[in-house]
Amino acid sequence: MIYNLDHNIPFERNKDSFNYTYKKKQRKYYPDFKQDDVYIEIKGYMTEGDRQKFKQFSGKLKVLFQKDLACQFEYVCEKYGV
């Protein structure tokens, strides 16, 4: 979020929910953010439940891990010391 705000990259907090089934139960999934028509999920690690909800997701989804955000984390640490 900080990187996008500092670089005027538009995004919004996602409020949409999506149904998926895992272990025979109906569940809801809320991706983290939305950029235009792409939903963005930030993940620290992947579980079997994550794999199932991503597999069943019908929209455009971009899943980002720490390695994918290395430049953004480096920028924030250098600029803000955190």
PDB file of N, CA and C in Angstrom:
ATOM      1  N   MET A   1       0.825  -1.189   0.000  1.00  0.00           N
ATOM      2  CA  MET A   1       0.000   0.000   0.000  1.00  0.00           C
ATOM      3  C   MET A   1       0.865   1.246   0.000  1.00  0.00           C
ATOM      4  N   ILE A   2       1.878   1.268   0.871  1.00  0.00           N
ATOM      5  CA  ILE A   2       2.729   2.459   0.988  1.00  0.00           C
ATOM      6  C   ILE A   2       3.402   2.771  -0.347  1.00  0.00           C
ATOM      7  N   TYR A   3       3.953   1.749  -0.981  1.00  0.00           N
ATOM      8  CA  TYR A   3       4.633   1.941  -2.264  1.00  0.00           C
ATOM      9  C   TYR A   3       3.662   2.524  -3.293  1.00  0.00           C
ATOM     10  N   ASN A   4       2.486   1.945  -3.390  1.00  0.00           N
ATOM     11  CA  ASN A   4       1.503   2.435  -4.361  1.00  0.00           C
ATOM     12  C   ASN A   4       1.087   3.863  -4.063  1.00  0.00           C
ATOM     13  N   LEU A   5       0.853   4.184  -2.802  1.00  0.00           N
ATOM     14  CA  LEU A   5       0.471   5.552  -2.441  1.00  0.00           C
ATOM     15  C   LEU A   5       1.588   6.537  -2.781  1.00  0.00           C
ATOM     16  N   ASP A   6       2.828   6.192  -2.435  1.00  0.00           N
ATOM     17  CA  ASP A   6       3.959   7.075  -2.710  1.00  0.00           C
ATOM     18  C   ASP A   6       4.218   7.275  -4.202  1.00  0.00           C
ATOM     19  N   HIS A   7       3.823   6.301  -5.013  1.00  0.00           N
ATOM     20  CA  HIS A   7       4.079   6.370  -6.457  1.00  0.00           C
ATOM     21  C   HIS A   7       2.800   6.628  -7.272  1.00  0.00           C
ATOM     22  N   ASN A   8       1.757   7.057  -6.598  1.00  0.00           N
ATOM     23  CA  ASN A   8       0.478   7.383  -7.252  1.00  0.00           C
ATOM     24  C   ASN A   8      -0.026   6.260  -8.159  1.00  0.00           C
ATOM     25  N   ILE A   9       0.108   5.033  -7.674  1.00  0.00           N
ATOM     26  CA  ILE A   9      -0.401   3.869  -8.400  1.00  0.00           C
ATOM     27  C   ILE A   9      -1.799   3.582  -7.853  1.00  0.00           C
ATOM     28  N   PRO A  10      -2.819   3.722  -8.696  1.00  0.00           N
ATOM     29  CA  PRO A  10      -4.191   3.547  -8.192  1.00  0.00           C
ATOM     30  C   PRO A  10      -4.498   2.094  -7.819  1.00  0.00           C
ATOM     31  N   PHE A  11      -5.208   1.943  -6.723  1.00  0.00           N
ATOM     32  CA  PHE A  11      -5.681   0.647  -6.258  1.00  0.00           C
ATOM     33  C   PHE A  11      -6.789   0.920  -5.258  1.00  0.00           C
ATOM     34  N   GLU A  12      -7.540  -0.097  -4.943  1.00  0.00           N
ATOM     35  CA  GLU A  12      -8.567   0.057  -3.914  1.00  0.00           C
ATOM     36  C   GLU A  12      -8.638  -1.199  -3.068  1.00  0.00           C
ATOM     37  N   ARG A  13      -9.036  -1.014  -1.827  1.00  0.00           N
ATOM     38  CA  ARG A  13      -9.248  -2.138  -0.925  1.00  0.00           C
ATOM     39  C   ARG A  13     -10.448  -2.897  -1.459  1.00  0.00           C
ATOM     40  N   ASN A  14     -10.329  -4.198  -1.602  1.00  0.00           N
ATOM     41  CA  ASN A  14     -11.425  -4.979  -2.140  1.00  0.00           C
ATOM     42  C   ASN A  14     -12.538  -5.174  -1.115  1.00  0.00           C
ATOM     43  N   LYS A  15     -13.773  -5.054  -1.580  1.00  0.00           N
ATOM     44  CA  LYS A  15     -14.943  -5.306  -0.732  1.00  0.00           C
ATOM     45  C   LYS A  15     -15.815  -6.434  -1.289  1.00  0.00           C
ATOM     46  N   ASP A  16     -15.430  -6.963  -2.463  1.00  0.00           N
ATOM     47  CA  ASP A  16     -16.202  -8.025  -3.112  1.00  0.00           C
ATOM     48  C   ASP A  16     -15.885  -9.373  -2.479  1.00  0.00           C
ATOM     49  N   SER A  17     -16.900 -10.223  -2.375  1.00  0.00           N
ATOM     50  CA  SER A  17     -16.682 -11.581  -1.877  1.00  0.00           C
ATOM     51  C   SER A  17     -17.017 -12.585  -2.978  1.00  0.00           C
ATOM     52  N   PHE A  18     -16.385 -13.740  -2.887  1.00  0.00           N
ATOM     53  CA  PHE A  18     -16.564 -14.792  -3.880  1.00  0.00           C
ATOM     54  C   PHE A  18     -16.736 -16.118  -3.155  1.00  0.00           C
ATOM     55  N   ASN A  19     -17.675 -16.906  -3.618  1.00  0.00           N
ATOM     56  CA  ASN A  19     -17.935 -18.212  -3.017  1.00  0.00           C
ATOM     57  C   ASN A  19     -16.992 -19.259  -3.584  1.00  0.00           C
ATOM     58  N   TYR A  20     -16.580 -20.177  -2.738  1.00  0.00           N
ATOM     59  CA  TYR A  20     -15.825 -21.344  -3.178  1.00  0.00           C
ATOM     60  C   TYR A  20     -16.101 -22.470  -2.199  1.00  0.00           C
ATOM     61  N   THR A  21     -15.784 -23.688  -2.605  1.00  0.00           N
ATOM     62  CA  THR A  21     -16.014 -24.853  -1.767  1.00  0.00           C
ATOM     63  C   THR A  21     -14.684 -25.475  -1.398  1.00  0.00           C
ATOM     64  N   TYR A  22     -14.538 -25.768  -0.116  1.00  0.00           N
ATOM     65  CA  TYR A  22     -13.322 -26.431   0.372  1.00  0.00           C
ATOM     66  C   TYR A  22     -13.733 -27.395   1.479  1.00  0.00           C
ATOM     67  N   LYS A  23     -13.289 -28.643   1.352  1.00  0.00           N
ATOM     68  CA  LYS A  23     -13.642 -29.698   2.311  1.00  0.00           C
ATOM     69  C   LYS A  23     -15.158 -29.780   2.513  1.00  0.00           C
ATOM     70  N   LYS A  24     -15.856 -29.755   1.367  1.00  0.00           N
ATOM     71  CA  LYS A  24     -17.314 -29.895   1.315  1.00  0.00           C
ATOM     72  C   LYS A  24     -18.072 -28.777   2.014  1.00  0.00           C
ATOM     73  N   LYS A  25     -17.419 -27.643   2.273  1.00  0.00           N
ATOM     74  CA  LYS A  25     -18.085 -26.503   2.904  1.00  0.00           C
ATOM     75  C   LYS A  25     -18.049 -25.307   1.967  1.00  0.00           C
ATOM     76  N   GLN A  26     -19.149 -24.596   1.922  1.00  0.00           N
ATOM     77  CA  GLN A  26     -19.220 -23.352   1.159  1.00  0.00           C
ATOM     78  C   GLN A  26     -18.521 -22.256   1.966  1.00  0.00           C
ATOM     79  N   ARG A  27     -17.618 -21.542   1.333  1.00  0.00           N
ATOM     80  CA  ARG A  27     -16.853 -20.493   2.016  1.00  0.00           C
ATOM     81  C   ARG A  27     -16.856 -19.222   1.182  1.00  0.00           C
ATOM     82  N   LYS A  28     -16.411 -18.134   1.790  1.00  0.00           N
ATOM     83  CA  LYS A  28     -16.290 -16.849   1.089  1.00  0.00           C
ATOM     84  C   LYS A  28     -14.827 -16.443   1.051  1.00  0.00           C
ATOM     85  N   TYR A  29     -14.448 -15.866  -0.071  1.00  0.00           N
ATOM     86  CA  TYR A  29     -13.078 -15.395  -0.280  1.00  0.00           C
ATOM     87  C   TYR A  29     -13.122 -13.913  -0.609  1.00  0.00           C
ATOM     88  N   TYR A  30     -12.292 -13.142   0.069  1.00  0.00           N
ATOM     89  CA  TYR A  30     -12.162 -11.714  -0.166  1.00  0.00           C
ATOM     90  C   TYR A  30     -10.712 -11.419  -0.561  1.00  0.00           C
ATOM     91  N   PRO A  31     -10.417 -11.256  -1.850  1.00  0.00           N
ATOM     92  CA  PRO A  31      -9.052 -10.866  -2.217  1.00  0.00           C
ATOM     93  C   PRO A  31      -8.689  -9.547  -1.529  1.00  0.00           C
ATOM     94  N   ASP A  32      -7.397  -9.282  -1.377  1.00  0.00           N
ATOM     95  CA  ASP A  32      -6.946  -8.113  -0.618  1.00  0.00           C
ATOM     96  C   ASP A  32      -7.254  -6.775  -1.293  1.00  0.00           C
ATOM     97  N   PHE A  33      -6.914  -6.672  -2.572  1.00  0.00           N
ATOM     98  CA  PHE A  33      -7.026  -5.397  -3.279  1.00  0.00           C
ATOM     99  C   PHE A  33      -7.607  -5.593  -4.662  1.00  0.00           C
ATOM    100  N   LYS A  34      -7.925  -4.462  -5.288  1.00  0.00           N
ATOM    101  CA  LYS A  34      -8.406  -4.473  -6.664  1.00  0.00           C
ATOM    102  C   LYS A  34      -7.716  -3.334  -7.398  1.00  0.00           C
ATOM    103  N   GLN A  35      -7.238  -3.636  -8.602  1.00  0.00           N
ATOM    104  CA  GLN A  35      -6.624  -2.645  -9.471  1.00  0.00           C
ATOM    105  C   GLN A  35      -7.285  -2.803 -10.830  1.00  0.00           C
ATOM    106  N   ASP A  36      -8.089  -1.828 -11.208  1.00  0.00           N
ATOM    107  CA  ASP A  36      -8.909  -1.935 -12.415  1.00  0.00           C
ATOM    108  C   ASP A  36      -9.788  -3.178 -12.290  1.00  0.00           C
ATOM    109  N   ASP A  37      -9.652  -4.141 -13.203  1.00  0.00           N
ATOM    110  CA  ASP A  37     -10.493  -5.346 -13.136  1.00  0.00           C
ATOM    111  C   ASP A  37      -9.719  -6.567 -12.638  1.00  0.00           C
ATOM    112  N   VAL A  38      -8.562  -6.337 -12.022  1.00  0.00           N
ATOM    113  CA  VAL A  38      -7.725  -7.423 -11.510  1.00  0.00           C
ATOM    114  C   VAL A  38      -7.753  -7.409  -9.980  1.00  0.00           C
ATOM    115  N   TYR A  39      -8.038  -8.561  -9.399  1.00  0.00           N
ATOM    116  CA  TYR A  39      -7.989  -8.707  -7.950  1.00  0.00           C
ATOM    117  C   TYR A  39      -6.569  -9.122  -7.567  1.00  0.00           C
ATOM    118  N   ILE A  40      -6.100  -8.607  -6.448  1.00  0.00           N
ATOM    119  CA  ILE A  40      -4.731  -8.873  -6.012  1.00  0.00           C
ATOM    120  C   ILE A  40      -4.760  -9.496  -4.623  1.00  0.00           C
ATOM    121  N   GLU A  41      -4.033 -10.578  -4.476  1.00  0.00           N
ATOM    122  CA  GLU A  41      -3.906 -11.286  -3.201  1.00  0.00           C
ATOM    123  C   GLU A  41      -2.436 -11.259  -2.804  1.00  0.00           C
ATOM    124  N   ILE A  42      -2.158 -10.850  -1.577  1.00  0.00           N
ATOM    125  CA  ILE A  42      -0.801 -10.844  -1.035  1.00  0.00           C
ATOM    126  C   ILE A  42      -0.689 -12.053  -0.108  1.00  0.00           C
ATOM    127  N   LYS A  43       0.269 -12.938  -0.380  1.00  0.00           N
ATOM    128  CA  LYS A  43       0.408 -14.172   0.399  1.00  0.00           C
ATOM    129  C   LYS A  43       1.810 -14.303   0.975  1.00  0.00           C
ATOM    130  N   GLY A  44       1.871 -14.797   2.189  1.00  0.00           N
ATOM    131  CA  GLY A  44       3.148 -15.135   2.815  1.00  0.00           C
ATOM    132  C   GLY A  44       3.531 -16.572   2.503  1.00  0.00           C
ATOM    133  N   TYR A  45       2.525 -17.427   2.378  1.00  0.00           N
ATOM    134  CA  TYR A  45       2.737 -18.843   2.067  1.00  0.00           C
ATOM    135  C   TYR A  45       1.444 -19.385   1.464  1.00  0.00           C
ATOM    136  N   MET A  46       1.523 -20.552   0.867  1.00  0.00           N
ATOM    137  CA  MET A  46       0.370 -21.147   0.189  1.00  0.00           C
ATOM    138  C   MET A  46      -0.093 -22.386   0.938  1.00  0.00           C
ATOM    139  N   THR A  47      -1.403 -22.486   1.151  1.00  0.00           N
ATOM    140  CA  THR A  47      -1.999 -23.668   1.777  1.00  0.00           C
ATOM    141  C   THR A  47      -2.863 -24.387   0.737  1.00  0.00           C
ATOM    142  N   GLU A  48      -3.316 -25.569   1.063  1.00  0.00           N
ATOM    143  CA  GLU A  48      -4.219 -26.292   0.172  1.00  0.00           C
ATOM    144  C   GLU A  48      -5.535 -25.527   0.018  1.00  0.00           C
ATOM    145  N   GLY A  49      -5.998 -24.908   1.089  1.00  0.00           N
ATOM    146  CA  GLY A  49      -7.215 -24.090   1.010  1.00  0.00           C
ATOM    147  C   GLY A  49      -7.044 -22.928   0.042  1.00  0.00           C
ATOM    148  N   ASP A  50      -5.861 -22.289   0.071  1.00  0.00           N
ATOM    149  CA  ASP A  50      -5.576 -21.211  -0.880  1.00  0.00           C
ATOM    150  C   ASP A  50      -5.610 -21.723  -2.314  1.00  0.00           C
ATOM    151  N   ARG A  51      -4.979 -22.848  -2.549  1.00  0.00           N
ATOM    152  CA  ARG A  51      -4.953 -23.413  -3.901  1.00  0.00           C
ATOM    153  C   ARG A  51      -6.373 -23.648  -4.426  1.00  0.00           C
ATOM    154  N   GLN A  52      -7.232 -24.163  -3.556  1.00  0.00           N
ATOM    155  CA  GLN A  52      -8.611 -24.447  -3.970  1.00  0.00           C
ATOM    156  C   GLN A  52      -9.385 -23.159  -4.266  1.00  0.00           C
ATOM    157  N   LYS A  53      -9.254 -22.150  -3.417  1.00  0.00           N
ATOM    158  CA  LYS A  53     -10.021 -20.929  -3.682  1.00  0.00           C
ATOM    159  C   LYS A  53      -9.502 -20.210  -4.921  1.00  0.00           C
ATOM    160  N   PHE A  54      -8.196 -20.247  -5.170  1.00  0.00           N
ATOM    161  CA  PHE A  54      -7.659 -19.617  -6.376  1.00  0.00           C
ATOM    162  C   PHE A  54      -8.101 -20.380  -7.620  1.00  0.00           C
ATOM    163  N   LYS A  55      -8.139 -21.695  -7.528  1.00  0.00           N
ATOM    164  CA  LYS A  55      -8.546 -22.542  -8.647  1.00  0.00           C
ATOM    165  C   LYS A  55     -10.009 -22.274  -9.025  1.00  0.00           C
ATOM    166  N   GLN A  56     -10.842 -22.004  -8.030  1.00  0.00           N
ATOM    167  CA  GLN A  56     -12.269 -21.786  -8.262  1.00  0.00           C
ATOM    168  C   GLN A  56     -12.622 -20.329  -8.556  1.00  0.00           C
ATOM    169  N   PHE A  57     -11.663 -19.437  -8.436  1.00  0.00           N
ATOM    170  CA  PHE A  57     -11.913 -18.013  -8.638  1.00  0.00           C
ATOM    171  C   PHE A  57     -12.190 -17.741 -10.111  1.00  0.00           C
ATOM    172  N   SER A  58     -13.279 -17.070 -10.409  1.00  0.00           N
ATOM    173  CA  SER A  58     -13.684 -16.873 -11.801  1.00  0.00           C
ATOM    174  C   SER A  58     -13.163 -15.574 -12.417  1.00  0.00           C
ATOM    175  N   GLY A  59     -12.704 -14.646 -11.597  1.00  0.00           N
ATOM    176  CA  GLY A  59     -12.219 -13.371 -12.117  1.00  0.00           C
ATOM    177  C   GLY A  59     -10.728 -13.405 -12.418  1.00  0.00           C
ATOM    178  N   LYS A  60     -10.185 -12.236 -12.713  1.00  0.00           N
ATOM    179  CA  LYS A  60      -8.749 -12.105 -12.926  1.00  0.00           C
ATOM    180  C   LYS A  60      -8.101 -11.927 -11.555  1.00  0.00           C
ATOM    181  N   LEU A  61      -7.130 -12.794 -11.248  1.00  0.00           N
ATOM    182  CA  LEU A  61      -6.487 -12.779  -9.936  1.00  0.00           C
ATOM    183  C   LEU A  61      -4.977 -12.804 -10.100  1.00  0.00           C
ATOM    184  N   LYS A  62      -4.304 -11.936  -9.367  1.00  0.00           N
ATOM    185  CA  LYS A  62      -2.842 -11.902  -9.347  1.00  0.00           C
ATOM    186  C   LYS A  62      -2.417 -12.159  -7.903  1.00  0.00           C
ATOM    187  N   VAL A  63      -1.692 -13.237  -7.696  1.00  0.00           N
ATOM    188  CA  VAL A  63      -1.223 -13.599  -6.357  1.00  0.00           C
ATOM    189  C   VAL A  63       0.247 -13.197  -6.256  1.00  0.00           C
ATOM    190  N   LEU A  64       0.564 -12.384  -5.252  1.00  0.00           N
ATOM    191  CA  LEU A  64       1.923 -11.885  -5.061  1.00  0.00           C
ATOM    192  C   LEU A  64       2.498 -12.398  -3.740  1.00  0.00           C
ATOM    193  N   PHE A  65       3.739 -12.860  -3.819  1.00  0.00           N
ATOM    194  CA  PHE A  65       4.467 -13.340  -2.643  1.00  0.00           C
ATOM    195  C   PHE A  65       5.587 -12.355  -2.309  1.00  0.00           C
ATOM    196  N   GLN A  66       6.265 -12.587  -1.205  1.00  0.00           N
ATOM    197  CA  GLN A  66       7.330 -11.695  -0.761  1.00  0.00           C
ATOM    198  C   GLN A  66       8.363 -11.461  -1.861  1.00  0.00           C
ATOM    199  N   LYS A  67       8.752 -12.527  -2.555  1.00  0.00           N
ATOM    200  CA  LYS A  67       9.758 -12.388  -3.624  1.00  0.00           C
ATOM    201  C   LYS A  67       9.256 -11.482  -4.745  1.00  0.00           C
ATOM    202  N   ASP A  68       7.958 -11.488  -4.997  1.00  0.00           N
ATOM    203  CA  ASP A  68       7.378 -10.643  -6.041  1.00  0.00           C
ATOM    204  C   ASP A  68       7.366  -9.170  -5.649  1.00  0.00           C
ATOM    205  N   LEU A  69       7.406  -8.914  -4.348  1.00  0.00           N
ATOM    206  CA  LEU A  69       7.312  -7.545  -3.833  1.00  0.00           C
ATOM    207  C   LEU A  69       8.632  -7.052  -3.245  1.00  0.00           C
ATOM    208  N   ALA A  70       9.730  -7.717  -3.568  1.00  0.00           N
ATOM    209  CA  ALA A  70      11.037  -7.375  -2.983  1.00  0.00           C
ATOM    210  C   ALA A  70      11.392  -5.908  -3.201  1.00  0.00           C
ATOM    211  N   CYS A  71      11.180  -5.391  -4.390  1.00  0.00           N
ATOM    212  CA  CYS A  71      11.517  -3.985  -4.677  1.00  0.00           C
ATOM    213  C   CYS A  71      10.656  -3.032  -3.845  1.00  0.00           C
ATOM    214  N   GLN A  72       9.380  -3.363  -3.703  1.00  0.00           N
ATOM    215  CA  GLN A  72       8.486  -2.504  -2.921  1.00  0.00           C
ATOM    216  C   GLN A  72       8.882  -2.517  -1.443  1.00  0.00           C
ATOM    217  N   PHE A  73       9.201  -3.716  -0.904  1.00  0.00           N
ATOM    218  CA  PHE A  73       9.632  -3.804   0.495  1.00  0.00           C
ATOM    219  C   PHE A  73      10.932  -3.039   0.714  1.00  0.00           C
ATOM    220  N   GLU A  74      11.864  -3.162  -0.225  1.00  0.00           N
ATOM    221  CA  GLU A  74      13.148  -2.468  -0.117  1.00  0.00           C
ATOM    222  C   GLU A  74      12.934  -0.953  -0.110  1.00  0.00           C
ATOM    223  N   TYR A  75      12.071  -0.462  -0.990  1.00  0.00           N
ATOM    224  CA  TYR A  75      11.755   0.964  -1.043  1.00  0.00           C
ATOM    225  C   TYR A  75      11.209   1.452   0.302  1.00  0.00           C
ATOM    226  N   VAL A  76      10.240   0.738   0.834  1.00  0.00           N
ATOM    227  CA  VAL A  76       9.607   1.154   2.095  1.00  0.00           C
ATOM    228  C   VAL A  76      10.622   1.135   3.240  1.00  0.00           C
ATOM    229  N   CYS A  77      11.465   0.104   3.302  1.00  0.00           N
ATOM    230  CA  CYS A  77      12.477   0.017   4.359  1.00  0.00           C
ATOM    231  C   CYS A  77      13.484   1.152   4.260  1.00  0.00           C
ATOM    232  N   GLU A  78      13.912   1.452   3.050  1.00  0.00           N
ATOM    233  CA  GLU A  78      14.878   2.538   2.871  1.00  0.00           C
ATOM    234  C   GLU A  78      14.286   3.894   3.191  1.00  0.00           C
ATOM    235  N   LYS A  79      13.055   4.120   2.773  1.00  0.00           N
ATOM    236  CA  LYS A  79      12.429   5.435   2.970  1.00  0.00           C
ATOM    237  C   LYS A  79      11.913   5.636   4.394  1.00  0.00           C
ATOM    238  N   TYR A  80      11.335   4.581   4.976  1.00  0.00           N
ATOM    239  CA  TYR A  80      10.667   4.734   6.276  1.00  0.00           C
ATOM    240  C   TYR A  80      11.360   3.990   7.414  1.00  0.00           C
ATOM    241  N   GLY A  81      12.358   3.190   7.084  1.00  0.00           N
ATOM    242  CA  GLY A  81      13.108   2.477   8.114  1.00  0.00           C
ATOM    243  C   GLY A  81      12.351   1.332   8.754  1.00  0.00           C
ATOM    244  N   VAL A  82      11.320   0.849   8.126  1.00  0.00           N
ATOM    245  CA  VAL A  82      10.523  -0.234   8.681  1.00  0.00           C
ATOM    246  C   VAL A  82      10.396  -1.332   7.660  1.00  0.00           C
TER     247      VAL A  82
END
